[in-house]
Amino acid sequence: MTIFNKKVWSALKLIPCGRVTTYQEIANYLGKSKAARAVGNACGHNPDAPKVPCHRAVKSDGGLGGYSGGATRKIELLREEGVEVRKGKVAEFSNKKFAFDKV
């Protein structure tokens, strides 16, 4: 566990149920604008998923991105929270996207 990973996991806890944010948005929030890929890696090493909701982190275009439990499980978790996924992307992405500047 790195300090960066712990910061990512803390940021994930701020994303409300029923909302998603992007790996890039998390990187920006942490002041590491070039670290979107590292955010994705930290999500992949999350030891407390889904309690720490890395399933709420997606690609900048609304695509699902990865999930250690697999894409089907990520879709299930999102749908349980009211986030629809169609053709591998978050439906109504702009309406579901959480921005940290609103925290």
C-alpha atoms as a PDB file:
ATOM      1  CA  MET A   1       0.000   0.000   0.000  1.00  0.00           C
ATOM      2  CA  THR A   2       1.440   3.304  -1.066  1.00  0.00           C
ATOM      3  CA  ILE A   3       0.482   6.732   0.228  1.00  0.00           C
ATOM      4  CA  PHE A   4      -0.844   7.543  -3.250  1.00  0.00           C
ATOM      5  CA  ASN A   5      -3.080   4.442  -3.229  1.00  0.00           C
ATOM      6  CA  LYS A   6      -4.461   5.408   0.172  1.00  0.00           C
ATOM      7  CA  LYS A   7      -5.252   8.900  -1.127  1.00  0.00           C
ATOM      8  CA  VAL A   8      -7.070   7.409  -4.121  1.00  0.00           C
ATOM      9  CA  TRP A   9      -9.084   5.107  -1.869  1.00  0.00           C
ATOM     10  CA  SER A  10     -10.009   8.046   0.367  1.00  0.00           C
ATOM     11  CA  ALA A  11     -11.139  10.025  -2.683  1.00  0.00           C
ATOM     12  CA  LEU A  12     -13.286   7.110  -3.860  1.00  0.00           C
ATOM     13  CA  LYS A  13     -15.194   7.209  -0.578  1.00  0.00           C
ATOM     14  CA  LEU A  14     -16.321  10.758  -1.415  1.00  0.00           C
ATOM     15  CA  ILE A  15     -18.216   9.670  -4.546  1.00  0.00           C
ATOM     16  CA  PRO A  16     -21.896   9.419  -3.621  1.00  0.00           C
ATOM     17  CA  CYS A  17     -23.913   6.302  -4.278  1.00  0.00           C
ATOM     18  CA  GLY A  18     -25.546   6.518  -7.701  1.00  0.00           C
ATOM     19  CA  ARG A  19     -22.802   8.689  -9.152  1.00  0.00           C
ATOM     20  CA  VAL A  20     -19.517   8.026 -10.963  1.00  0.00           C
ATOM     21  CA  THR A  21     -16.365   9.982 -11.599  1.00  0.00           C
ATOM     22  CA  THR A  22     -13.386   9.513 -13.844  1.00  0.00           C
ATOM     23  CA  TYR A  23      -9.884   8.316 -13.145  1.00  0.00           C
ATOM     24  CA  GLN A  24      -8.748  11.703 -14.484  1.00  0.00           C
ATOM     25  CA  GLU A  25     -11.056  13.610 -12.150  1.00  0.00           C
ATOM     26  CA  ILE A  26      -9.603  11.729  -9.178  1.00  0.00           C
ATOM     27  CA  ALA A  27      -6.064  12.453 -10.385  1.00  0.00           C
ATOM     28  CA  ASN A  28      -6.917  16.156 -10.702  1.00  0.00           C
ATOM     29  CA  TYR A  29      -8.481  16.181  -7.232  1.00  0.00           C
ATOM     30  CA  LEU A  30      -5.266  14.736  -5.818  1.00  0.00           C
ATOM     31  CA  GLY A  31      -3.201  17.394  -7.593  1.00  0.00           C
ATOM     32  CA  LYS A  32      -1.627  14.812  -9.918  1.00  0.00           C
ATOM     33  CA  SER A  33      -3.145  15.666 -13.293  1.00  0.00           C
ATOM     34  CA  LYS A  34      -0.935  13.210 -15.186  1.00  0.00           C
ATOM     35  CA  ALA A  35      -1.704  10.280 -12.883  1.00  0.00           C
ATOM     36  CA  ALA A  36      -5.014   8.968 -14.280  1.00  0.00           C
ATOM     37  CA  ARG A  37      -3.430   5.623 -15.110  1.00  0.00           C
ATOM     38  CA  ALA A  38      -1.928   5.414 -11.616  1.00  0.00           C
ATOM     39  CA  VAL A  39      -5.403   6.073 -10.205  1.00  0.00           C
ATOM     40  CA  GLY A  40      -6.686   3.121 -12.231  1.00  0.00           C
ATOM     41  CA  ASN A  41      -3.873   0.966 -10.879  1.00  0.00           C
ATOM     42  CA  ALA A  42      -4.699   2.026  -7.321  1.00  0.00           C
ATOM     43  CA  CYS A  43      -8.332   1.092  -7.936  1.00  0.00           C
ATOM     44  CA  GLY A  44      -7.164  -2.308  -9.125  1.00  0.00           C
ATOM     45  CA  HIS A  45      -5.284  -2.847  -5.862  1.00  0.00           C
ATOM     46  CA  ASN A  46      -8.157  -1.747  -3.630  1.00  0.00           C
ATOM     47  CA  PRO A  47      -8.326  -4.330  -0.816  1.00  0.00           C
ATOM     48  CA  ASP A  48     -11.769  -3.208   0.375  1.00  0.00           C
ATOM     49  CA  ALA A  49     -13.881  -3.257  -2.785  1.00  0.00           C
ATOM     50  CA  PRO A  50     -16.803  -2.645  -2.978  1.00  0.00           C
ATOM     51  CA  LYS A  51     -16.801  -0.993   0.478  1.00  0.00           C
ATOM     52  CA  VAL A  52     -14.299   1.462  -1.000  1.00  0.00           C
ATOM     53  CA  PRO A  53     -16.272   2.047  -4.206  1.00  0.00           C
ATOM     54  CA  CYS A  54     -13.720   1.779  -6.992  1.00  0.00           C
ATOM     55  CA  HIS A  55     -16.590   0.595  -9.206  1.00  0.00           C
ATOM     56  CA  ARG A  56     -17.656   4.258  -9.292  1.00  0.00           C
ATOM     57  CA  ALA A  57     -14.481   5.243 -11.182  1.00  0.00           C
ATOM     58  CA  VAL A  58     -14.788   5.135 -14.969  1.00  0.00           C
ATOM     59  CA  LYS A  59     -13.019   6.355 -18.096  1.00  0.00           C
ATOM     60  CA  SER A  60     -13.281   9.972 -19.231  1.00  0.00           C
ATOM     61  CA  ASP A  61     -15.659   9.019 -22.048  1.00  0.00           C
ATOM     62  CA  GLY A  62     -18.013   7.190 -19.678  1.00  0.00           C
ATOM     63  CA  GLY A  63     -16.597   3.774 -20.585  1.00  0.00           C
ATOM     64  CA  LEU A  64     -16.398   1.333 -17.724  1.00  0.00           C
ATOM     65  CA  GLY A  65     -12.667   0.842 -17.433  1.00  0.00           C
ATOM     66  CA  GLY A  66     -11.456  -2.082 -15.389  1.00  0.00           C
ATOM     67  CA  TYR A  67     -12.622  -3.717 -12.191  1.00  0.00           C
ATOM     68  CA  SER A  68     -10.845  -6.395 -10.213  1.00  0.00           C
ATOM     69  CA  GLY A  69     -14.112  -8.330  -9.894  1.00  0.00           C
ATOM     70  CA  GLY A  70     -14.706  -8.191 -13.648  1.00  0.00           C
ATOM     71  CA  ALA A  71     -16.856  -6.023 -15.891  1.00  0.00           C
ATOM     72  CA  THR A  72     -20.063  -7.927 -15.153  1.00  0.00           C
ATOM     73  CA  ARG A  73     -19.678  -7.334 -11.423  1.00  0.00           C
ATOM     74  CA  LYS A  74     -18.897  -3.627 -11.964  1.00  0.00           C
ATOM     75  CA  ILE A  75     -22.078  -3.271 -14.030  1.00  0.00           C
ATOM     76  CA  GLU A  76     -24.095  -5.085 -11.341  1.00  0.00           C
ATOM     77  CA  LEU A  77     -22.783  -2.803  -8.589  1.00  0.00           C
ATOM     78  CA  LEU A  78     -23.481   0.324 -10.612  1.00  0.00           C
ATOM     79  CA  ARG A  79     -26.999  -0.828 -11.524  1.00  0.00           C
ATOM     80  CA  GLU A  80     -27.734  -1.599  -7.856  1.00  0.00           C
ATOM     81  CA  GLU A  81     -26.939   2.070  -7.220  1.00  0.00           C
ATOM     82  CA  GLY A  82     -29.132   3.332 -10.054  1.00  0.00           C
ATOM     83  CA  VAL A  83     -26.420   3.856 -12.654  1.00  0.00           C
ATOM     84  CA  GLU A  84     -27.380   2.311 -15.981  1.00  0.00           C
ATOM     85  CA  VAL A  85     -24.739   0.937 -18.317  1.00  0.00           C
ATOM     86  CA  ARG A  86     -25.447   0.578 -22.027  1.00  0.00           C
ATOM     87  CA  LYS A  87     -23.003  -0.813 -24.566  1.00  0.00           C
ATOM     88  CA  GLY A  88     -20.147  -0.603 -22.075  1.00  0.00           C
ATOM     89  CA  LYS A  89     -20.707   3.028 -21.113  1.00  0.00           C
ATOM     90  CA  VAL A  90     -22.507   4.867 -18.328  1.00  0.00           C
ATOM     91  CA  ALA A  91     -25.877   6.002 -19.649  1.00  0.00           C
ATOM     92  CA  GLU A  92     -26.534   9.727 -19.194  1.00  0.00           C
ATOM     93  CA  PHE A  93     -22.904  10.075 -18.163  1.00  0.00           C
ATOM     94  CA  SER A  94     -22.976  13.865 -17.821  1.00  0.00           C
ATOM     95  CA  ASN A  95     -25.916  13.611 -15.393  1.00  0.00           C
ATOM     96  CA  LYS A  96     -24.265  10.874 -13.328  1.00  0.00           C
ATOM     97  CA  LYS A  97     -20.764  12.357 -13.221  1.00  0.00           C
ATOM     98  CA  PHE A  98     -19.548  13.553  -9.843  1.00  0.00           C
ATOM     99  CA  ALA A  99     -17.049  16.406  -9.733  1.00  0.00           C
ATOM    100  CA  PHE A 100     -14.870  16.806  -6.671  1.00  0.00           C
ATOM    101  CA  ASP A 101     -15.084  20.590  -6.823  1.00  0.00           C
ATOM    102  CA  LYS A 102     -18.602  20.108  -5.443  1.00  0.00           C
ATOM    103  CA  VAL A 103     -17.263  18.501  -2.257  1.00  0.00           C
END
